[in-house]
Protein backbone atom coordinates (compact mmCIF):
# COMPACT_ATOMS: atom_id res chain seq x y z
CA MET A 1 0.03 -0.01 0.02
CA ILE A 2 1.27 3.37 -0.97
CA LYS A 3 0.66 6.33 1.54
CA VAL A 4 0.67 9.87 0.42
CA ASP A 5 1.73 12.71 2.69
CA LEU A 6 2.98 16.36 2.38
CA ILE A 7 6.65 17.07 2.53
CA LYS A 8 7.73 20.15 4.48
CA ASP A 9 11.44 19.53 4.81
CA LYS A 10 13.73 20.95 2.17
CA GLU A 11 16.58 18.53 2.92
CA THR A 12 14.31 15.63 2.54
CA TRP A 13 12.92 16.70 -0.61
CA GLU A 14 16.06 17.61 -2.21
CA LYS A 15 17.86 14.36 -1.25
CA PHE A 16 15.21 12.36 -3.04
CA VAL A 17 14.98 14.58 -6.14
CA LEU A 18 18.63 14.77 -6.63
CA SER A 19 18.93 10.93 -6.30
CA TYR A 20 16.24 10.37 -9.13
CA SER A 21 17.57 9.20 -12.36
CA ASP A 22 16.66 12.25 -14.53
CA PRO A 23 15.64 15.04 -12.17
CA SER A 24 14.63 18.53 -13.46
CA PHE A 25 14.92 22.00 -11.70
CA LEU A 26 11.03 22.25 -12.25
CA GLN A 27 10.57 19.62 -9.39
CA SER A 28 13.18 21.29 -7.17
CA TRP A 29 12.36 22.76 -3.82
CA ASN A 30 13.35 26.27 -5.30
CA TRP A 31 10.92 25.96 -8.26
CA GLY A 32 8.14 25.52 -5.69
CA GLU A 33 9.44 28.64 -3.72
CA VAL A 34 9.60 30.55 -6.77
CA GLN A 35 5.98 29.67 -7.59
CA ARG A 36 4.91 30.32 -3.96
CA THR A 37 6.45 33.69 -3.95
CA LEU A 38 4.71 34.71 -7.10
CA GLY A 39 1.44 33.80 -5.29
CA ASN A 40 0.67 30.57 -6.60
CA LYS A 41 -0.55 27.83 -4.21
CA ILE A 42 1.83 24.70 -4.33
CA PHE A 43 1.56 21.21 -3.05
CA ARG A 44 4.74 19.03 -2.20
CA PHE A 45 3.88 15.45 -1.49
CA GLY A 46 5.75 12.41 -1.24
CA PHE A 47 4.71 8.72 -1.79
CA PHE A 48 5.73 6.20 1.09
CA LYS A 49 5.86 2.49 1.09
CA GLN A 50 6.42 1.04 4.63
CA LYS A 51 7.46 4.43 5.73
CA LYS A 52 10.05 4.76 2.97
CA LEU A 53 9.80 7.73 0.48
CA VAL A 54 9.78 6.35 -2.82
CA GLY A 55 8.50 9.25 -4.95
CA THR A 56 7.64 13.03 -4.90
CA CYS A 57 5.51 15.57 -6.89
CA LEU A 58 5.47 19.24 -6.72
CA LEU A 59 2.02 20.37 -7.99
CA ILE A 60 1.26 24.12 -8.81
CA LYS A 61 -2.23 25.50 -8.85
CA ARG A 62 -2.85 28.02 -11.54
CA GLU A 63 -5.56 30.78 -11.50
CA ALA A 64 -6.44 31.46 -15.07
CA LYS A 65 -9.16 33.54 -16.75
CA ARG A 66 -10.34 30.30 -18.41
CA GLY A 67 -10.38 28.45 -15.20
CA ALA A 68 -8.29 27.20 -12.38
CA TYR A 69 -6.25 24.09 -13.05
CA LEU A 70 -3.22 22.14 -11.58
CA GLU A 71 0.12 21.61 -13.18
CA CYS A 72 2.80 19.20 -12.64
CA PRO A 73 5.96 20.13 -14.63
CA ALA A 74 8.77 17.20 -15.10
CA GLY A 75 6.98 14.99 -12.44
CA PRO A 76 5.84 13.08 -10.82
CA LEU A 77 9.31 11.57 -9.67
CA ILE A 78 8.42 7.89 -9.32
CA ASP A 79 9.32 4.37 -10.47
CA TRP A 80 7.32 4.28 -13.69
CA LYS A 81 7.84 0.40 -13.68
CA LYS A 82 5.41 -0.02 -10.67
CA PRO A 83 1.78 0.77 -11.45
CA LEU A 84 0.89 1.33 -7.87
CA TYR A 85 3.06 4.39 -7.60
CA PHE A 86 1.49 5.81 -10.72
CA GLU A 87 -2.11 5.05 -9.50
CA ALA A 88 -1.44 6.56 -6.10
CA PHE A 89 -0.30 9.74 -7.99
CA VAL A 90 -3.50 9.98 -10.18
CA LYS A 91 -5.78 9.34 -7.11
CA GLN A 92 -3.84 12.19 -5.29
CA ILE A 93 -4.15 14.84 -8.12
CA LYS A 94 -7.92 13.94 -8.58
CA LYS A 95 -8.29 14.66 -4.86
CA ILE A 96 -6.55 17.85 -4.74
CA GLY A 97 -8.00 18.93 -8.13
CA GLU A 98 -11.72 18.41 -6.85
CA GLU A 99 -10.88 20.25 -3.49
CA GLU A 100 -9.40 23.16 -5.31
CA LYS A 101 -12.20 23.31 -7.77
CA CYS A 102 -9.79 22.92 -10.80
CA PHE A 103 -11.18 22.11 -14.22
CA PHE A 104 -8.12 19.80 -15.06
CA VAL A 105 -4.68 18.68 -14.15
CA ARG A 106 -2.03 19.10 -16.64
CA VAL A 107 1.15 16.93 -16.38
CA ARG A 108 4.25 16.84 -18.37
CA PRO A 109 6.24 13.96 -16.90
CA GLN A 110 9.96 13.69 -17.19
CA ILE A 111 9.68 10.42 -19.18
CA LEU A 112 10.30 10.00 -23.05
CA GLU A 113 7.69 10.49 -25.79
CA THR A 114 7.03 6.66 -26.63
CA LEU A 115 3.90 4.75 -27.58
CA ALA A 116 4.06 2.85 -24.33
CA ASN A 117 3.98 6.04 -22.25
CA ARG A 118 1.18 7.44 -24.15
CA ILE A 119 -0.84 4.34 -23.50
CA LEU A 120 0.04 4.50 -19.71
CA PHE A 121 -1.47 7.78 -19.36
CA LYS A 122 -4.36 7.11 -21.55
CA LYS A 123 -5.54 4.10 -19.35
CA GLN A 124 -5.84 6.62 -16.34
CA GLY A 125 -8.01 8.85 -18.22
CA PHE A 126 -5.53 11.40 -19.65
CA ILE A 127 -5.71 12.99 -23.13
CA SER A 128 -3.11 14.71 -25.02
CA ALA A 129 -3.14 18.40 -24.01
CA PRO A 130 -3.64 21.09 -26.59
CA MET A 131 -0.65 23.06 -25.42
CA HIS A 132 2.69 22.33 -24.41
CA LEU A 133 4.11 22.50 -20.76
CA TYR A 134 7.64 23.75 -20.44
CA ALA A 135 10.28 22.38 -22.66
CA GLU A 136 9.03 18.98 -24.01
CA ASN A 137 11.25 18.85 -27.10
CA THR A 138 14.91 19.65 -25.95
CA LEU A 139 18.42 19.65 -27.16
CA GLN A 140 21.09 18.43 -24.65
CA LEU A 141 24.75 18.61 -24.93
CA ASN A 142 27.00 15.84 -23.20
CA LEU A 143 29.78 17.80 -21.55
CA GLU A 144 31.87 14.71 -20.88
CA LYS A 145 34.22 15.75 -23.44
CA THR A 146 37.12 18.09 -23.82
CA GLU A 147 36.59 21.75 -24.93
CA GLU A 148 38.32 20.96 -28.09
CA GLN A 149 36.06 17.86 -28.82
CA LEU A 150 33.06 20.14 -27.96
CA LEU A 151 34.16 22.70 -30.47
CA ARG A 152 34.83 20.17 -33.29
CA GLN A 153 31.20 18.74 -33.07
CA MET A 154 29.86 22.16 -33.47
CA ARG A 155 28.51 23.30 -36.98
CA LYS A 156 31.46 24.96 -38.75
CA ASN A 157 29.72 28.38 -38.94
CA THR A 158 28.97 28.19 -35.23
CA ARG A 159 32.77 27.77 -34.59
CA TYR A 160 33.49 30.64 -36.96
CA LEU A 161 31.10 33.03 -35.19
CA ILE A 162 32.42 32.20 -31.76
CA LYS A 163 35.91 33.02 -32.94
CA LYS A 164 34.63 36.07 -34.77
CA ALA A 165 32.89 37.51 -31.63
CA ILE A 166 36.21 37.08 -29.77
CA LYS A 167 38.21 38.82 -32.39
CA GLU A 168 35.60 41.72 -32.41
CA GLY A 169 36.24 42.33 -28.79
CA VAL A 170 33.06 40.82 -27.29
CA LYS A 171 33.39 40.29 -23.51
CA ILE A 172 31.20 37.95 -21.53
CA GLY A 173 30.54 38.66 -17.90
CA GLN A 174 28.60 36.76 -15.17
CA SER A 175 26.48 38.44 -12.52
CA THR A 176 24.69 37.77 -9.16
CA ASP A 177 23.36 41.25 -8.77
CA VAL A 178 19.48 41.09 -9.06
CA LYS A 179 19.72 44.63 -10.47
CA ASP A 180 21.07 43.14 -13.70
CA ILE A 181 17.78 41.45 -14.37
CA GLU A 182 16.56 44.65 -15.60
CA ALA A 183 18.86 44.14 -18.80
CA LEU A 184 17.23 40.73 -19.23
CA TYR A 185 13.84 42.20 -19.08
CA GLN A 186 14.57 45.15 -21.69
CA LEU A 187 16.13 42.74 -24.06
CA GLN A 188 13.18 40.41 -23.64
CA MET A 189 10.97 43.41 -24.53
CA GLU A 190 12.97 44.22 -27.48
CA THR A 191 12.71 40.61 -28.77
CA VAL A 192 8.97 40.67 -28.16
CA ARG A 193 8.59 43.67 -30.36
CA ARG A 194 10.40 41.77 -33.05
CA LYS A 195 8.75 38.48 -32.53
CA HIS A 196 5.40 39.21 -31.12
CA PHE A 197 5.03 36.89 -28.27
CA VAL A 198 3.57 37.27 -24.59
CA PRO A 199 6.49 38.60 -22.35
CA PHE A 200 7.36 37.52 -18.79
CA LYS A 201 6.97 40.15 -16.08
CA LYS A 202 10.17 41.35 -14.49
CA GLU A 203 8.96 40.27 -11.12
CA TYR A 204 8.99 36.72 -12.41
CA PHE A 205 12.65 36.99 -13.49
CA GLU A 206 13.60 38.50 -10.27
CA LYS A 207 11.89 35.94 -8.02
CA GLU A 208 13.49 33.22 -9.99
CA PHE A 209 17.02 34.73 -9.68
CA GLN A 210 16.76 35.64 -6.10
CA THR A 211 15.35 32.09 -5.14
CA PHE A 212 17.93 30.05 -6.99
CA LEU A 213 20.81 32.36 -6.17
CA LYS A 214 20.68 31.44 -2.48
CA ASP A 215 21.99 27.90 -3.41
CA ASN A 216 24.42 29.23 -5.98
CA GLN A 217 22.21 27.68 -8.62
CA ILE A 218 21.88 30.34 -11.26
CA ARG A 219 23.90 33.03 -12.93
CA LEU A 220 23.06 35.99 -15.45
CA PHE A 221 25.59 35.91 -18.43
CA LYS A 222 25.97 39.28 -20.31
CA ALA A 223 27.68 39.89 -23.69
CA ILE A 224 29.02 43.34 -23.90
CA TYR A 225 30.44 45.05 -26.93
CA GLN A 226 31.54 48.76 -26.89
CA GLY A 227 30.09 49.10 -23.52
CA LYS A 228 26.61 47.97 -24.73
CA ILE A 229 24.75 44.77 -23.56
CA LEU A 230 23.97 42.78 -26.69
CA ALA A 231 22.63 39.40 -25.25
CA VAL A 232 21.63 38.12 -21.72
CA ALA A 233 20.86 34.55 -20.79
CA LEU A 234 19.73 33.30 -17.37
CA ILE A 235 21.34 29.71 -16.75
CA ILE A 236 19.95 27.61 -13.91
CA PHE A 237 22.66 24.92 -12.52
CA TYR A 238 20.77 21.87 -10.89
CA ALA A 239 21.55 18.20 -10.54
CA LYS A 240 24.57 18.02 -12.54
CA LYS A 241 22.96 19.87 -15.43
CA ALA A 242 22.66 23.48 -16.78
CA VAL A 243 19.64 24.92 -18.43
CA TYR A 244 19.57 27.97 -20.73
CA HIS A 245 16.32 29.06 -19.28
CA TYR A 246 15.69 32.69 -20.61
CA SER A 247 17.57 34.95 -22.92
CA GLY A 248 17.08 38.16 -24.68
CA SER A 249 19.09 39.89 -27.52
CA SER A 250 19.61 43.28 -28.95
CA SER A 251 19.00 44.06 -32.74
CA ARG A 252 21.99 46.61 -32.51
CA PHE A 253 25.25 45.54 -34.04
CA ARG A 254 23.56 42.72 -35.98
CA LYS A 255 27.11 41.73 -37.44
CA ILE A 256 28.49 41.10 -34.03
CA PRO A 257 27.66 37.49 -33.06
CA ALA A 258 27.65 38.15 -29.33
CA SER A 259 25.04 35.35 -28.53
CA TYR A 260 27.46 32.69 -29.95
CA LEU A 261 30.18 33.57 -27.67
CA LEU A 262 27.79 33.88 -24.67
CA GLN A 263 26.63 30.40 -25.24
CA TRP A 264 30.27 28.94 -25.49
CA GLU A 265 31.14 30.80 -22.05
CA ALA A 266 27.97 29.46 -20.32
CA ILE A 267 28.88 26.05 -21.60
CA LYS A 268 32.50 26.17 -20.20
CA GLU A 269 31.28 27.61 -16.97
CA THR A 270 29.02 24.59 -16.88
CA LYS A 271 31.84 22.17 -17.32
CA ARG A 272 33.79 24.01 -14.63
CA ARG A 273 31.01 23.28 -12.12
CA GLY A 274 31.32 19.49 -13.12
CA CYS A 275 27.97 19.42 -14.62
CA GLN A 276 27.46 16.61 -17.41
CA ILE A 277 24.69 17.93 -19.36
CA TYR A 278 24.01 21.51 -21.16
CA ASN A 279 20.24 21.68 -21.81
CA PHE A 280 19.42 24.28 -24.41
CA TRP A 281 15.94 24.03 -23.23
CA GLY A 282 13.14 24.21 -25.74
CA ALA A 283 13.63 23.41 -29.45
CA ALA A 284 11.18 23.48 -32.29
CA PRO A 285 10.67 20.05 -33.85
CA LEU A 286 12.72 19.36 -36.96
CA ASN A 287 9.48 18.59 -39.04
CA LYS A 288 8.04 22.05 -38.21
CA PRO A 289 10.03 24.49 -40.27
CA LYS A 290 7.33 27.10 -39.77
CA HIS A 291 7.24 26.89 -35.94
CA ARG A 292 7.76 30.33 -34.19
CA PHE A 293 10.98 29.09 -32.42
CA ALA A 294 12.40 27.33 -35.58
CA GLY A 295 15.00 30.23 -36.01
CA VAL A 296 16.29 30.20 -32.55
CA SER A 297 16.28 26.24 -32.61
CA LEU A 298 18.65 26.41 -35.64
CA PHE A 299 20.99 28.44 -33.54
CA LYS A 300 21.07 26.15 -30.66
CA ARG A 301 21.47 22.97 -32.92
CA GLY A 302 24.70 24.60 -34.16
CA PHE A 303 26.40 23.67 -30.95
CA GLY A 304 25.85 20.11 -31.26
CA GLY A 305 23.87 17.87 -28.78
CA VAL A 306 21.11 15.47 -29.26
CA GLU A 307 17.47 15.66 -29.43
CA VAL A 308 15.73 14.50 -26.07
CA ASN A 309 11.91 14.71 -26.46
CA TYR A 310 9.84 14.23 -23.30
CA LEU A 311 6.23 12.98 -23.32
CA HIS A 312 3.81 15.87 -24.46
CA ALA A 313 1.73 17.09 -21.74
CA ARG A 314 -1.24 15.24 -20.73
CA ASP A 315 -4.46 16.63 -19.42
CA LEU A 316 -6.77 15.06 -16.79
CA PRO A 317 -10.20 16.42 -17.25
CA LEU A 318 -12.11 17.02 -13.94
CA LYS A 319 -15.15 19.10 -15.11
CA SER A 320 -17.26 19.18 -18.28
CA GLY A 321 -16.24 23.04 -18.65
CA TYR A 322 -12.65 21.62 -19.53
CA TRP A 323 -13.67 21.15 -23.15
CA LEU A 324 -14.29 24.82 -23.70
CA ILE A 325 -10.83 25.41 -22.47
CA TYR A 326 -9.60 22.56 -24.69
CA GLY A 327 -11.08 24.40 -27.67
CA PHE A 328 -9.77 27.89 -26.79
CA GLU A 329 -6.17 26.50 -26.25
CA THR A 330 -6.26 24.74 -29.61
CA MET A 331 -7.06 27.76 -31.43
CA ARG A 332 -4.41 29.84 -29.47
CA LYS A 333 -1.68 27.17 -30.32
CA PHE A 334 -2.65 27.52 -33.95
CA TYR A 335 -2.39 31.34 -34.05
CA ARG A 336 0.64 31.44 -31.98
CA ARG A 337 2.39 28.98 -34.38
CA LEU A 338 3.35 26.59 -32.07
């Protein structure tokens, strides 16, 4: 029998998450704290078998105009070969969803996109979600190689542009000052004006930066040319991995490839920290050349790495009103070219 109970101790939580085979910062204690400080209700619960912790799950309640729902990013962290664990998870999220008057639960587990995994969720009443949840299609670079080997496996043009940025005098700096989030926010807004997408609030960046900084798990990288910041990237270091989480770039000095050198310096810093994987985060599928993020995905692929595709988000409907939400999100996905 599997018992489910809330976990209130950070050490207990982190010890289990970091022992998992493929943990994500999206299930870290600090990600829960980011959501809590932003005003979202969170639930951290563990699965116990004979008093032994055998699984964890961070669940986040989202209050949206279209209706409240629960979100489980990159979780739950369980042994997927044991059906009882998954059944306990489904029972728990149904219980919380009903208590919180949610229309549905959206889960994007940290397991691969396979037919077997799709069937596993279908048997429990889940359907394919109309929208993605965080990075499902990722590009991940194995860092257990020398810098020379990493450079050789890059696209020839990527290597050339890194060298060009160095030759042109681009400098890369790292920051732990929350005031520098302003630069990220402003460059994001500049990108928004060019690409027409919904931006994140500055408070969102600040809360994430301040929370992960307490455990030395985040850095802001800046590419500077002639005293001007041309590119900024927020990198999260967690569980022997680094994630290229957010970024912004300027349209000024377009012939200066600052973003290429910024990425290379972030990769080298990741190696210095003893990490094994550099995750470029979301990447548009190769078979979707008109995808909104096809251009930036081409940039990311130039550094090498392999495609790692996690199971597309699954929704568990809890109320009949969910189907109106399903229709709305389906149309929104089409218009956003996702």
